[in-house]
Amino acid sequence: MWLYQLSLGVVNGLKIAGNLDGIYKPLVIGLLLLDHGWICCLLLSLLQLFAFPY
C-alpha cells in the first residue's frame, strides 16, 4: 500500500515539476516530502539528479 502511495507521489511530483520553472522545483519537491516522508525524499533527490541535471 505504501509503495503505491510512494510511486503515485513520485509520478505526480514529476508531472508538477515538469510544468514549472527550475526555481519552483525545490519547493514542489519540499512539499512532496512533507506528504510522503524521508523515503520519498531519497527517491526524489535521486530523480532530481538524473531527470533534472543543471
PDB file of N, CA and C in Angstrom:
ATOM      1  N   MET A   1       0.831  -1.206   0.000  1.00  0.00           N
ATOM      2  CA  MET A   1       0.000   0.000   0.000  1.00  0.00           C
ATOM      3  C   MET A   1       0.867   1.259   0.000  1.00  0.00           C
ATOM      4  N   TRP A   2       1.889   1.268   0.869  1.00  0.00           N
ATOM      5  CA  TRP A   2       2.741   2.460   0.940  1.00  0.00           C
ATOM      6  C   TRP A   2       3.559   2.620  -0.332  1.00  0.00           C
ATOM      7  N   LEU A   3       3.864   1.490  -0.985  1.00  0.00           N
ATOM      8  CA  LEU A   3       4.626   1.558  -2.228  1.00  0.00           C
ATOM      9  C   LEU A   3       3.800   2.228  -3.322  1.00  0.00           C
ATOM     10  N   TYR A   4       2.506   1.934  -3.348  1.00  0.00           N
ATOM     11  CA  TYR A   4       1.611   2.589  -4.314  1.00  0.00           C
ATOM     12  C   TYR A   4       1.558   4.093  -4.072  1.00  0.00           C
ATOM     13  N   GLN A   5       1.385   4.469  -2.807  1.00  0.00           N
ATOM     14  CA  GLN A   5       1.348   5.887  -2.454  1.00  0.00           C
ATOM     15  C   GLN A   5       2.646   6.576  -2.849  1.00  0.00           C
ATOM     16  N   LEU A   6       3.754   5.888  -2.610  1.00  0.00           N
ATOM     17  CA  LEU A   6       5.066   6.447  -2.904  1.00  0.00           C
ATOM     18  C   LEU A   6       5.236   6.676  -4.396  1.00  0.00           C
ATOM     19  N   SER A   7       4.905   5.662  -5.189  1.00  0.00           N
ATOM     20  CA  SER A   7       5.064   5.805  -6.638  1.00  0.00           C
ATOM     21  C   SER A   7       4.109   6.865  -7.185  1.00  0.00           C
ATOM     22  N   LEU A   8       2.918   6.947  -6.627  1.00  0.00           N
ATOM     23  CA  LEU A   8       1.969   7.969  -7.044  1.00  0.00           C
ATOM     24  C   LEU A   8       2.517   9.359  -6.754  1.00  0.00           C
ATOM     25  N   GLY A   9       3.109   9.513  -5.588  1.00  0.00           N
ATOM     26  CA  GLY A   9       3.700  10.798  -5.222  1.00  0.00           C
ATOM     27  C   GLY A   9       4.840  11.184  -6.141  1.00  0.00           C
ATOM     28  N   VAL A  10       5.670  10.211  -6.496  1.00  0.00           N
ATOM     29  CA  VAL A  10       6.797  10.485  -7.386  1.00  0.00           C
ATOM     30  C   VAL A  10       6.304  10.885  -8.771  1.00  0.00           C
ATOM     31  N   VAL A  11       5.316  10.151  -9.287  1.00  0.00           N
ATOM     32  CA  VAL A  11       4.778  10.462 -10.610  1.00  0.00           C
ATOM     33  C   VAL A  11       4.148  11.850 -10.621  1.00  0.00           C
ATOM     34  N   ASN A  12       3.357  12.155  -9.611  1.00  0.00           N
ATOM     35  CA  ASN A  12       2.736  13.473  -9.540  1.00  0.00           C
ATOM     36  C   ASN A  12       3.784  14.562  -9.403  1.00  0.00           C
ATOM     37  N   GLY A  13       4.822  14.275  -8.625  1.00  0.00           N
ATOM     38  CA  GLY A  13       5.905  15.238  -8.451  1.00  0.00           C
ATOM     39  C   GLY A  13       6.600  15.541  -9.762  1.00  0.00           C
ATOM     40  N   LEU A  14       6.834  14.508 -10.556  1.00  0.00           N
ATOM     41  CA  LEU A  14       7.497  14.714 -11.843  1.00  0.00           C
ATOM     42  C   LEU A  14       6.603  15.485 -12.805  1.00  0.00           C
ATOM     43  N   LYS A  15       5.300  15.204 -12.775  1.00  0.00           N
ATOM     44  CA  LYS A  15       4.369  15.941 -13.629  1.00  0.00           C
ATOM     45  C   LYS A  15       4.375  17.423 -13.264  1.00  0.00           C
ATOM     46  N   ILE A  16       4.286  17.690 -11.960  1.00  0.00           N
ATOM     47  CA  ILE A  16       4.252  19.075 -11.495  1.00  0.00           C
ATOM     48  C   ILE A  16       5.571  19.768 -11.812  1.00  0.00           C
ATOM     49  N   ALA A  17       6.678  19.102 -11.511  1.00  0.00           N
ATOM     50  CA  ALA A  17       7.992  19.700 -11.723  1.00  0.00           C
ATOM     51  C   ALA A  17       8.249  19.962 -13.200  1.00  0.00           C
ATOM     52  N   GLY A  18       7.719  19.114 -14.055  1.00  0.00           N
ATOM     53  CA  GLY A  18       7.901  19.306 -15.485  1.00  0.00           C
ATOM     54  C   GLY A  18       7.189  20.547 -16.002  1.00  0.00           C
ATOM     55  N   ASN A  19       6.162  21.008 -15.273  1.00  0.00           N
ATOM     56  CA  ASN A  19       5.386  22.168 -15.705  1.00  0.00           C
ATOM     57  C   ASN A  19       5.887  23.473 -15.103  1.00  0.00           C
ATOM     58  N   LEU A  20       6.870  23.392 -14.222  1.00  0.00           N
ATOM     59  CA  LEU A  20       7.326  24.587 -13.526  1.00  0.00           C
ATOM     60  C   LEU A  20       8.745  24.938 -13.927  1.00  0.00           C
ATOM     61  N   ASP A  21       9.106  26.177 -13.689  1.00  0.00           N
ATOM     62  CA  ASP A  21      10.484  26.602 -13.910  1.00  0.00           C
ATOM     63  C   ASP A  21      11.381  26.005 -12.839  1.00  0.00           C
ATOM     64  N   GLY A  22      12.687  26.034 -13.089  1.00  0.00           N
ATOM     65  CA  GLY A  22      13.645  25.422 -12.180  1.00  0.00           C
ATOM     66  C   GLY A  22      13.593  25.994 -10.775  1.00  0.00           C
ATOM     67  N   ILE A  23      13.173  27.253 -10.646  1.00  0.00           N
ATOM     68  CA  ILE A  23      13.181  27.891  -9.330  1.00  0.00           C
ATOM     69  C   ILE A  23      12.113  27.287  -8.421  1.00  0.00           C
ATOM     70  N   TYR A  24      11.075  26.718  -9.010  1.00  0.00           N
ATOM     71  CA  TYR A  24       9.988  26.161  -8.212  1.00  0.00           C
ATOM     72  C   TYR A  24      10.161  24.679  -7.897  1.00  0.00           C
ATOM     73  N   LYS A  25      11.061  23.997  -8.610  1.00  0.00           N
ATOM     74  CA  LYS A  25      11.213  22.556  -8.403  1.00  0.00           C
ATOM     75  C   LYS A  25      11.575  22.194  -6.966  1.00  0.00           C
ATOM     76  N   PRO A  26      12.531  22.882  -6.331  1.00  0.00           N
ATOM     77  CA  PRO A  26      12.828  22.535  -4.929  1.00  0.00           C
ATOM     78  C   PRO A  26      11.619  22.719  -4.011  1.00  0.00           C
ATOM     79  N   LEU A  27      10.805  23.729  -4.286  1.00  0.00           N
ATOM     80  CA  LEU A  27       9.605  23.966  -3.479  1.00  0.00           C
ATOM     81  C   LEU A  27       8.614  22.823  -3.626  1.00  0.00           C
ATOM     82  N   VAL A  28       8.390  22.401  -4.872  1.00  0.00           N
ATOM     83  CA  VAL A  28       7.464  21.293  -5.126  1.00  0.00           C
ATOM     84  C   VAL A  28       7.965  20.022  -4.458  1.00  0.00           C
ATOM     85  N   ILE A  29       9.266  19.763  -4.614  1.00  0.00           N
ATOM     86  CA  ILE A  29       9.838  18.569  -4.005  1.00  0.00           C
ATOM     87  C   ILE A  29       9.718  18.649  -2.488  1.00  0.00           C
ATOM     88  N   GLY A  30       9.952  19.827  -1.926  1.00  0.00           N
ATOM     89  CA  GLY A  30       9.805  20.001  -0.481  1.00  0.00           C
ATOM     90  C   GLY A  30       8.383  19.716  -0.011  1.00  0.00           C
ATOM     91  N   LEU A  31       7.400  20.158  -0.775  1.00  0.00           N
ATOM     92  CA  LEU A  31       6.010  19.895  -0.412  1.00  0.00           C
ATOM     93  C   LEU A  31       5.699  18.409  -0.471  1.00  0.00           C
ATOM     94  N   LEU A  32       6.251  17.721  -1.476  1.00  0.00           N
ATOM     95  CA  LEU A  32       6.039  16.283  -1.578  1.00  0.00           C
ATOM     96  C   LEU A  32       6.681  15.554  -0.406  1.00  0.00           C
ATOM     97  N   LEU A  33       7.815  16.073   0.075  1.00  0.00           N
ATOM     98  CA  LEU A  33       8.498  15.435   1.194  1.00  0.00           C
ATOM     99  C   LEU A  33       7.619  15.460   2.436  1.00  0.00           C
ATOM    100  N   LEU A  34       6.909  16.558   2.619  1.00  0.00           N
ATOM    101  CA  LEU A  34       6.036  16.671   3.780  1.00  0.00           C
ATOM    102  C   LEU A  34       4.941  15.612   3.733  1.00  0.00           C
ATOM    103  N   ASP A  35       4.497  15.268   2.528  1.00  0.00           N
ATOM    104  CA  ASP A  35       3.444  14.269   2.384  1.00  0.00           C
ATOM    105  C   ASP A  35       3.954  12.845   2.551  1.00  0.00           C
ATOM    106  N   HIS A  36       5.098  12.532   1.945  1.00  0.00           N
ATOM    107  CA  HIS A  36       5.483  11.132   1.800  1.00  0.00           C
ATOM    108  C   HIS A  36       6.664  10.702   2.654  1.00  0.00           C
ATOM    109  N   GLY A  37       7.284  11.643   3.377  1.00  0.00           N
ATOM    110  CA  GLY A  37       8.344  11.247   4.290  1.00  0.00           C
ATOM    111  C   GLY A  37       9.713  11.106   3.654  1.00  0.00           C
ATOM    112  N   TRP A  38      10.632  10.583   4.459  1.00  0.00           N
ATOM    113  CA  TRP A  38      12.048  10.608   4.086  1.00  0.00           C
ATOM    114  C   TRP A  38      12.395   9.625   2.990  1.00  0.00           C
ATOM    115  N   ILE A  39      11.626   8.527   2.837  1.00  0.00           N
ATOM    116  CA  ILE A  39      11.920   7.578   1.755  1.00  0.00           C
ATOM    117  C   ILE A  39      11.665   8.257   0.411  1.00  0.00           C
ATOM    118  N   CYS A  40      10.570   8.984   0.323  1.00  0.00           N
ATOM    119  CA  CYS A  40      10.267   9.737  -0.886  1.00  0.00           C
ATOM    120  C   CYS A  40      11.312  10.826  -1.106  1.00  0.00           C
ATOM    121  N   CYS A  41      11.802  11.396  -0.009  1.00  0.00           N
ATOM    122  CA  CYS A  41      12.867  12.389  -0.081  1.00  0.00           C
ATOM    123  C   CYS A  41      14.070  11.827  -0.813  1.00  0.00           C
ATOM    124  N   LEU A  42      14.467  10.630  -0.417  1.00  0.00           N
ATOM    125  CA  LEU A  42      15.625   9.991  -1.027  1.00  0.00           C
ATOM    126  C   LEU A  42      15.381   9.726  -2.510  1.00  0.00           C
ATOM    127  N   LEU A  43      14.217   9.169  -2.836  1.00  0.00           N
ATOM    128  CA  LEU A  43      13.904   8.867  -4.231  1.00  0.00           C
ATOM    129  C   LEU A  43      13.843  10.127  -5.089  1.00  0.00           C
ATOM    130  N   LEU A  44      13.208  11.170  -4.558  1.00  0.00           N
ATOM    131  CA  LEU A  44      13.090  12.396  -5.337  1.00  0.00           C
ATOM    132  C   LEU A  44      14.434  13.084  -5.511  1.00  0.00           C
ATOM    133  N   SER A  45      15.297  12.959  -4.510  1.00  0.00           N
ATOM    134  CA  SER A  45      16.637  13.522  -4.652  1.00  0.00           C
ATOM    135  C   SER A  45      17.385  12.838  -5.784  1.00  0.00           C
ATOM    136  N   LEU A  46      17.276  11.509  -5.841  1.00  0.00           N
ATOM    137  CA  LEU A  46      17.921  10.766  -6.922  1.00  0.00           C
ATOM    138  C   LEU A  46      17.298  11.115  -8.268  1.00  0.00           C
ATOM    139  N   LEU A  47      15.965  11.209  -8.293  1.00  0.00           N
ATOM    140  CA  LEU A  47      15.278  11.550  -9.536  1.00  0.00           C
ATOM    141  C   LEU A  47      15.674  12.940 -10.018  1.00  0.00           C
ATOM    142  N   GLN A  48      15.828  13.868  -9.081  1.00  0.00           N
ATOM    143  CA  GLN A  48      16.198  15.221  -9.468  1.00  0.00           C
ATOM    144  C   GLN A  48      17.598  15.235 -10.067  1.00  0.00           C
ATOM    145  N   LEU A  49      18.483  14.409  -9.523  1.00  0.00           N
ATOM    146  CA  LEU A  49      19.840  14.338 -10.061  1.00  0.00           C
ATOM    147  C   LEU A  49      19.844  13.825 -11.496  1.00  0.00           C
ATOM    148  N   PHE A  50      19.040  12.807 -11.760  1.00  0.00           N
ATOM    149  CA  PHE A  50      19.073  12.181 -13.077  1.00  0.00           C
ATOM    150  C   PHE A  50      18.114  12.840 -14.073  1.00  0.00           C
ATOM    151  N   ALA A  51      16.958  13.278 -13.595  1.00  0.00           N
ATOM    152  CA  ALA A  51      15.944  13.801 -14.503  1.00  0.00           C
ATOM    153  C   ALA A  51      16.127  15.293 -14.788  1.00  0.00           C
ATOM    154  N   PHE A  52      16.661  16.033 -13.823  1.00  0.00           N
ATOM    155  CA  PHE A  52      16.807  17.483 -13.979  1.00  0.00           C
ATOM    156  C   PHE A  52      18.244  17.919 -13.711  1.00  0.00           C
ATOM    157  N   PRO A  53      19.206  17.469 -14.514  1.00  0.00           N
ATOM    158  CA  PRO A  53      20.588  17.882 -14.261  1.00  0.00           C
ATOM    159  C   PRO A  53      20.800  19.349 -14.631  1.00  0.00           C
ATOM    160  N   TYR A  54      21.426  20.103 -13.748  1.00  0.00           N
ATOM    161  CA  TYR A  54      21.710  21.518 -14.026  1.00  0.00           C
ATOM    162  C   TYR A  54      23.211  21.713 -14.118  1.00  0.00           C
TER     163      TYR A  54
END
